[in-house]
C-alpha atoms as a PDB file:
ATOM      1  CA  UNK A   1      81.290  94.267 118.773  1.00  0.00           C
ATOM      2  CA  UNK A   2      83.238  93.164 115.713  1.00  0.00           C
ATOM      3  CA  UNK A   3      82.319  94.927 112.516  1.00  0.00           C
ATOM      4  CA  UNK A   4      81.784  92.424 109.719  1.00  0.00           C
ATOM      5  CA  UNK A   5      82.424  93.061 106.048  1.00  0.00           C
ATOM      6  CA  UNK A   6      79.192  93.019 103.991  1.00  0.00           C
ATOM      7  CA  UNK A   7      78.501  89.638 102.375  1.00  0.00           C
ATOM      8  CA  UNK A   8      79.904  89.705  98.841  1.00  0.00           C
ATOM      9  CA  UNK A   9      79.823  87.572  95.712  1.00  0.00           C
ATOM     10  CA  UNK A  10      82.739  85.757  94.089  1.00  0.00           C
ATOM     11  CA  UNK A  11      81.807  84.475  90.621  1.00  0.00           C
ATOM     12  CA  UNK A  12      83.997  81.612  89.360  1.00  0.00           C
ATOM     13  CA  UNK A  13      83.423  81.313  85.606  1.00  0.00           C
ATOM     14  CA  UNK A  14      84.545  78.171  83.778  1.00  0.00           C
ATOM     15  CA  UNK A  15      81.896  78.038  81.023  1.00  0.00           C
ATOM     16  CA  UNK A  16      81.873  80.179  77.850  1.00  0.00           C
ATOM     17  CA  UNK A  17      80.926  83.756  78.731  1.00  0.00           C
ATOM     18  CA  UNK A  18      78.895  85.989  76.435  1.00  0.00           C
ATOM     19  CA  UNK A  19      78.402  89.737  76.642  1.00  0.00           C
ATOM     20  CA  UNK A  20      74.978  89.616  78.414  1.00  0.00           C
ATOM     21  CA  UNK A  21      76.307  87.153  80.996  1.00  0.00           C
ATOM     22  CA  UNK A  22      79.350  89.296  81.740  1.00  0.00           C
ATOM     23  CA  UNK A  23      77.263  92.462  82.074  1.00  0.00           C
ATOM     24  CA  UNK A  24      74.995  90.717  84.586  1.00  0.00           C
ATOM     25  CA  UNK A  25      77.972  89.510  86.637  1.00  0.00           C
ATOM     26  CA  UNK A  26      79.544  92.961  86.515  1.00  0.00           C
ATOM     27  CA  UNK A  27      76.396  94.318  88.178  1.00  0.00           C
ATOM     28  CA  UNK A  28      76.117  91.613  90.864  1.00  0.00           C
ATOM     29  CA  UNK A  29      79.596  90.344  91.735  1.00  0.00           C
ATOM     30  CA  UNK A  30      82.373  91.869  93.803  1.00  0.00           C
ATOM     31  CA  UNK A  31      85.012  89.664  92.137  1.00  0.00           C
ATOM     32  CA  UNK A  32      84.823  87.784  88.841  1.00  0.00           C
ATOM     33  CA  UNK A  33      87.377  85.024  88.257  1.00  0.00           C
ATOM     34  CA  UNK A  34      87.672  83.831  84.660  1.00  0.00           C
ATOM     35  CA  UNK A  35      89.032  80.279  84.558  1.00  0.00           C
ATOM     36  CA  UNK A  36      90.620  78.297  81.694  1.00  0.00           C
ATOM     37  CA  UNK A  37      87.365  76.751  80.483  1.00  0.00           C
ATOM     38  CA  UNK A  38      85.847  80.102  79.523  1.00  0.00           C
ATOM     39  CA  UNK A  39      88.840  82.056  78.256  1.00  0.00           C
ATOM     40  CA  UNK A  40      89.341  80.522  74.826  1.00  0.00           C
ATOM     41  CA  UNK A  41      85.834  81.468  73.702  1.00  0.00           C
ATOM     42  CA  UNK A  42      85.820  85.101  74.829  1.00  0.00           C
ATOM     43  CA  UNK A  43      84.909  87.427  71.946  1.00  0.00           C
ATOM     44  CA  UNK A  44      86.367  90.833  71.160  1.00  0.00           C
ATOM     45  CA  UNK A  45      83.055  92.390  72.270  1.00  0.00           C
ATOM     46  CA  UNK A  46      83.420  90.837  75.732  1.00  0.00           C
ATOM     47  CA  UNK A  47      87.088  91.864  75.834  1.00  0.00           C
ATOM     48  CA  UNK A  48      86.217  95.499  75.106  1.00  0.00           C
ATOM     49  CA  UNK A  49      83.518  95.384  77.814  1.00  0.00           C
ATOM     50  CA  UNK A  50      86.074  94.011  80.309  1.00  0.00           C
ATOM     51  CA  UNK A  51      87.995  97.264  79.997  1.00  0.00           C
ATOM     52  CA  UNK A  52      84.941  99.168  81.325  1.00  0.00           C
ATOM     53  CA  UNK A  53      84.217  96.811  84.218  1.00  0.00           C
ATOM     54  CA  UNK A  54      83.160  97.824  87.709  1.00  0.00           C
ATOM     55  CA  UNK A  55      84.116  94.490  89.247  1.00  0.00           C
ATOM     56  CA  UNK A  56      87.532  93.235  90.342  1.00  0.00           C
ATOM     57  CA  UNK A  57      88.710  90.825  87.632  1.00  0.00           C
ATOM     58  CA  UNK A  58      90.924  87.783  88.235  1.00  0.00           C
ATOM     59  CA  UNK A  59      92.077  85.778  85.223  1.00  0.00           C
ATOM     60  CA  UNK A  60      93.463  82.287  85.791  1.00  0.00           C
ATOM     61  CA  UNK A  61      95.019  80.892  82.636  1.00  0.00           C
ATOM     62  CA  UNK A  62      95.727  77.235  81.931  1.00  0.00           C
ATOM     63  CA  UNK A  63      98.999  75.530  81.047  1.00  0.00           C
ATOM     64  CA  UNK A  64      99.422  77.700  77.939  1.00  0.00           C
ATOM     65  CA  UNK A  65      98.272  81.317  77.907  1.00  0.00           C
ATOM     66  CA  UNK A  66      98.162  82.589  74.341  1.00  0.00           C
ATOM     67  CA  UNK A  67      95.957  84.592  71.999  1.00  0.00           C
ATOM     68  CA  UNK A  68      92.826  86.054  73.557  1.00  0.00           C
ATOM     69  CA  UNK A  69      93.368  84.266  76.880  1.00  0.00           C
ATOM     70  CA  UNK A  70      96.745  85.977  77.324  1.00  0.00           C
ATOM     71  CA  UNK A  71      95.358  89.348  76.205  1.00  0.00           C
ATOM     72  CA  UNK A  72      92.584  89.132  78.807  1.00  0.00           C
ATOM     73  CA  UNK A  73      95.112  88.238  81.495  1.00  0.00           C
ATOM     74  CA  UNK A  74      97.147  91.331  80.617  1.00  0.00           C
ATOM     75  CA  UNK A  75      94.208  93.656  81.345  1.00  0.00           C
ATOM     76  CA  UNK A  76      93.020  91.820  84.494  1.00  0.00           C
ATOM     77  CA  UNK A  77      93.486  93.146  88.010  1.00  0.00           C
ATOM     78  CA  UNK A  78      95.143  89.876  88.993  1.00  0.00           C
ATOM     79  CA  UNK A  79      96.645  87.507  86.409  1.00  0.00           C
ATOM     80  CA  UNK A  80      97.417  83.900  87.343  1.00  0.00           C
ATOM     81  CA  UNK A  81      99.422  81.345  85.361  1.00  0.00           C
ATOM     82  CA  UNK A  82     100.147  77.692  86.135  1.00  0.00           C
ATOM     83  CA  UNK A  83     103.467  76.525  87.548  1.00  0.00           C
ATOM     84  CA  UNK A  84     105.376  74.848  84.760  1.00  0.00           C
ATOM     85  CA  UNK A  85     103.120  76.461  82.155  1.00  0.00           C
ATOM     86  CA  UNK A  86     103.903  78.768  79.247  1.00  0.00           C
ATOM     87  CA  UNK A  87     102.688  82.033  77.752  1.00  0.00           C
ATOM     88  CA  UNK A  88     102.682  83.597  74.300  1.00  0.00           C
ATOM     89  CA  UNK A  89     102.356  84.498  71.626  1.00  0.00           C
ATOM     90  CA  UNK A  90      99.382  86.847  71.997  1.00  0.00           C
ATOM     91  CA  UNK A  91      98.732  87.034  68.264  1.00  0.00           C
ATOM     92  CA  UNK A  92      98.503  90.231  66.260  1.00  0.00           C
ATOM     93  CA  UNK A  93      94.756  90.884  66.608  1.00  0.00           C
ATOM     94  CA  UNK A  94      94.604  90.370  70.369  1.00  0.00           C
ATOM     95  CA  UNK A  95      97.930  92.034  71.074  1.00  0.00           C
ATOM     96  CA  UNK A  96      96.834  95.187  69.254  1.00  0.00           C
ATOM     97  CA  UNK A  97      93.783  95.366  71.542  1.00  0.00           C
ATOM     98  CA  UNK A  98      95.677  94.815  74.772  1.00  0.00           C
ATOM     99  CA  UNK A  99      99.112  96.365  74.221  1.00  0.00           C
ATOM    100  CA  UNK A 100      98.326  99.828  75.620  1.00  0.00           C
ATOM    101  CA  UNK A 101      96.763  98.459  78.797  1.00  0.00           C
ATOM    102  CA  UNK A 102      99.534  95.891  79.111  1.00  0.00           C
ATOM    103  CA  UNK A 103     102.319  98.469  78.918  1.00  0.00           C
ATOM    104  CA  UNK A 104     100.618 100.541  81.626  1.00  0.00           C
ATOM    105  CA  UNK A 105     100.241  97.391  83.722  1.00  0.00           C
ATOM    106  CA  UNK A 106     103.740  95.950  83.491  1.00  0.00           C
ATOM    107  CA  UNK A 107     105.943  98.694  82.020  1.00  0.00           C
ATOM    108  CA  UNK A 108     107.733  98.927  78.691  1.00  0.00           C
ATOM    109  CA  UNK A 109     110.759  96.676  79.426  1.00  0.00           C
ATOM    110  CA  UNK A 110     108.601  93.694  80.382  1.00  0.00           C
ATOM    111  CA  UNK A 111     106.151  94.563  77.632  1.00  0.00           C
ATOM    112  CA  UNK A 112     108.924  94.032  75.106  1.00  0.00           C
ATOM    113  CA  UNK A 113     108.717  90.307  75.880  1.00  0.00           C
ATOM    114  CA  UNK A 114     105.219  90.286  74.435  1.00  0.00           C
ATOM    115  CA  UNK A 115     106.486  91.433  71.047  1.00  0.00           C
ATOM    116  CA  UNK A 116     108.428  88.207  70.674  1.00  0.00           C
ATOM    117  CA  UNK A 117     106.730  85.630  68.528  1.00  0.00           C
ATOM    118  CA  UNK A 118     107.734  82.793  70.837  1.00  0.00           C
ATOM    119  CA  UNK A 119     106.544  80.740  73.786  1.00  0.00           C
ATOM    120  CA  UNK A 120     108.090  81.515  77.183  1.00  0.00           C
ATOM    121  CA  UNK A 121     107.864  79.883  80.619  1.00  0.00           C
ATOM    122  CA  UNK A 122     105.360  81.059  83.220  1.00  0.00           C
ATOM    123  CA  UNK A 123     108.193  81.666  85.697  1.00  0.00           C
ATOM    124  CA  UNK A 124     109.508  84.294  83.263  1.00  0.00           C
ATOM    125  CA  UNK A 125     106.095  85.930  83.247  1.00  0.00           C
ATOM    126  CA  UNK A 126     106.073  86.083  87.056  1.00  0.00           C
ATOM    127  CA  UNK A 127     109.582  87.516  87.195  1.00  0.00           C
ATOM    128  CA  UNK A 128     108.680  90.348  84.800  1.00  0.00           C
ATOM    129  CA  UNK A 129     105.221  91.118  86.207  1.00  0.00           C
ATOM    130  CA  UNK A 130     103.267  89.692  83.253  1.00  0.00           C
ATOM    131  CA  UNK A 131     101.454  87.557  85.818  1.00  0.00           C
ATOM    132  CA  UNK A 132     101.056  88.109  89.560  1.00  0.00           C
ATOM    133  CA  UNK A 133     100.918  84.569  90.974  1.00  0.00           C
ATOM    134  CA  UNK A 134     101.532  80.991  89.873  1.00  0.00           C
ATOM    135  CA  UNK A 135      98.907  78.350  90.670  1.00  0.00           C
ATOM    136  CA  UNK A 136     100.598  75.120  91.819  1.00  0.00           C
ATOM    137  CA  UNK A 137     100.539  72.536  89.047  1.00  0.00           C
ATOM    138  CA  UNK A 138      98.819  69.903  91.200  1.00  0.00           C
ATOM    139  CA  UNK A 139      95.999  72.219  92.325  1.00  0.00           C
ATOM    140  CA  UNK A 140      92.533  72.504  90.791  1.00  0.00           C
ATOM    141  CA  UNK A 141      92.084  76.054  89.461  1.00  0.00           C
ATOM    142  CA  UNK A 142      88.537  76.495  90.817  1.00  0.00           C
ATOM    143  CA  UNK A 143      89.377  75.340  94.330  1.00  0.00           C
ATOM    144  CA  UNK A 144      92.690  77.191  94.460  1.00  0.00           C
ATOM    145  CA  UNK A 145      91.179  80.534  93.416  1.00  0.00           C
ATOM    146  CA  UNK A 146      88.211  80.027  95.741  1.00  0.00           C
ATOM    147  CA  UNK A 147      90.532  79.319  98.677  1.00  0.00           C
ATOM    148  CA  UNK A 148      92.916  82.189  97.853  1.00  0.00           C
ATOM    149  CA  UNK A 149      90.123  84.762  97.600  1.00  0.00           C
ATOM    150  CA  UNK A 150      88.364  83.319 100.668  1.00  0.00           C
ATOM    151  CA  UNK A 151      91.373  84.146 102.828  1.00  0.00           C
ATOM    152  CA  UNK A 152      91.193  87.800 101.844  1.00  0.00           C
ATOM    153  CA  UNK A 153      88.806  90.710 102.071  1.00  0.00           C
ATOM    154  CA  UNK A 154      86.869  91.355  98.846  1.00  0.00           C
ATOM    155  CA  UNK A 155      86.656  94.984  99.929  1.00  0.00           C
ATOM    156  CA  UNK A 156      90.445  95.221 100.181  1.00  0.00           C
ATOM    157  CA  UNK A 157      90.901  93.435  96.845  1.00  0.00           C
ATOM    158  CA  UNK A 158      88.461  95.842  95.202  1.00  0.00           C
ATOM    159  CA  UNK A 159      90.285  98.871  96.617  1.00  0.00           C
ATOM    160  CA  UNK A 160      93.637  97.562  95.407  1.00  0.00           C
ATOM    161  CA  UNK A 161      92.178  96.804  91.956  1.00  0.00           C
ATOM    162  CA  UNK A 162      90.792 100.333  91.714  1.00  0.00           C
ATOM    163  CA  UNK A 163      94.212 101.777  92.533  1.00  0.00           C
ATOM    164  CA  UNK A 164      95.851  99.529  89.942  1.00  0.00           C
ATOM    165  CA  UNK A 165      93.504 100.776  87.240  1.00  0.00           C
ATOM    166  CA  UNK A 166      93.524 104.479  88.093  1.00  0.00           C
ATOM    167  CA  UNK A 167      96.923 105.371  89.561  1.00  0.00           C
ATOM    168  CA  UNK A 168      99.874 106.558  87.485  1.00  0.00           C
ATOM    169  CA  UNK A 169     102.684 104.244  88.565  1.00  0.00           C
ATOM    170  CA  UNK A 170     106.446 104.276  88.595  1.00  0.00           C
ATOM    171  CA  UNK A 171     108.325 101.130  87.494  1.00  0.00           C
ATOM    172  CA  UNK A 172     108.042  98.471  90.163  1.00  0.00           C
ATOM    173  CA  UNK A 173     104.977  99.987  91.818  1.00  0.00           C
ATOM    174  CA  UNK A 174     102.717  97.283  90.410  1.00  0.00           C
ATOM    175  CA  UNK A 175     104.696  94.705  92.381  1.00  0.00           C
ATOM    176  CA  UNK A 176     103.990  96.672  95.549  1.00  0.00           C
ATOM    177  CA  UNK A 177     100.264  96.673  94.791  1.00  0.00           C
ATOM    178  CA  UNK A 178     100.534  92.941  94.155  1.00  0.00           C
ATOM    179  CA  UNK A 179     101.814  92.559  97.692  1.00  0.00           C
ATOM    180  CA  UNK A 180      98.762  94.495  98.900  1.00  0.00           C
ATOM    181  CA  UNK A 181      96.554  91.941  97.150  1.00  0.00           C
ATOM    182  CA  UNK A 182      98.370  89.151  98.977  1.00  0.00           C
ATOM    183  CA  UNK A 183      98.243  90.827 102.385  1.00  0.00           C
ATOM    184  CA  UNK A 184      94.514  91.507 102.832  1.00  0.00           C
ATOM    185  CA  UNK A 185      93.562  93.442 105.959  1.00  0.00           C
ATOM    186  CA  UNK A 186      96.415  93.311 108.497  1.00  0.00           C
ATOM    187  CA  UNK A 187      94.382  94.421 111.517  1.00  0.00           C
ATOM    188  CA  UNK A 188      91.878  91.597 111.153  1.00  0.00           C
ATOM    189  CA  UNK A 189      94.615  89.089 110.436  1.00  0.00           C
ATOM    190  CA  UNK A 190      96.457  90.061 113.633  1.00  0.00           C
ATOM    191  CA  UNK A 191      93.273  89.862 115.725  1.00  0.00           C
ATOM    192  CA  UNK A 192      92.457  86.395 114.424  1.00  0.00           C
ATOM    193  CA  UNK A 193      96.062  85.269 114.951  1.00  0.00           C
ATOM    194  CA  UNK A 194      95.811  86.279 118.604  1.00  0.00           C
ATOM    195  CA  UNK A 195      92.507  84.387 118.827  1.00  0.00           C
ATOM    196  CA  UNK A 196      94.116  81.326 117.150  1.00  0.00           C
ATOM    197  CA  UNK A 197      91.774  81.481 114.170  1.00  0.00           C
ATOM    198  CA  UNK A 198      92.631  81.423 110.468  1.00  0.00           C
ATOM    199  CA  UNK A 199      92.600  84.977 109.032  1.00  0.00           C
ATOM    200  CA  UNK A 200      89.935  84.206 106.430  1.00  0.00           C
ATOM    201  CA  UNK A 201      86.931  86.099 105.144  1.00  0.00           C
ATOM    202  CA  UNK A 202      84.989  83.169 103.669  1.00  0.00           C
ATOM    203  CA  UNK A 203      82.129  83.567 106.156  1.00  0.00           C
ATOM    204  CA  UNK A 204      81.229  86.899 104.522  1.00  0.00           C
ATOM    205  CA  UNK A 205      81.470  85.605 100.939  1.00  0.00           C
ATOM    206  CA  UNK A 206      78.939  84.009  98.611  1.00  0.00           C
ATOM    207  CA  UNK A 207      80.331  81.900  95.757  1.00  0.00           C
ATOM    208  CA  UNK A 208      78.756  81.083  92.397  1.00  0.00           C
ATOM    209  CA  UNK A 209      80.389  78.622  89.977  1.00  0.00           C
ATOM    210  CA  UNK A 210      79.223  79.061  86.400  1.00  0.00           C
END
């Protein structure tokens, strides 16, 4: 008998998110994905609460990630930018709040890019680990994130996110953890390949779009 992963909740947030709403989602959801429509309005109170989250956090920025939206991406477990997009500058207020977490996340050499008061291409961010994936320019953010997460185990994503937040890492180790995010659970993927089925986990996942 095949053991199924417990049904889990993916919350896709595209509306402005206040502190009470985030705290509720942090209690209920396995993964929270913050999408471009909600990022610009995030307050410093919500940002500080994000740092104490229980839930796996995915941040998907729009065509230009700057200010608070960029700062939130830097402290996320998985940071997505758009192909052909740009990032920066973070701005002094937001950068001061996120710089310590960002340096731990991406390392000092890449972090030096964030000190520049200029706008850089998203491909540069991917190359230096400032983001983890690029969303294709022609794709809808909500559907792309929903599909990407649906092909993976929320349990595996949560375990990888926990390791990212708690493990002291050598330079380059974050990229290895990023590959773990992309891989999912290899045993289940192999079994479903042999059975000619797509290696997805969407049947065990509830989705809420807010």
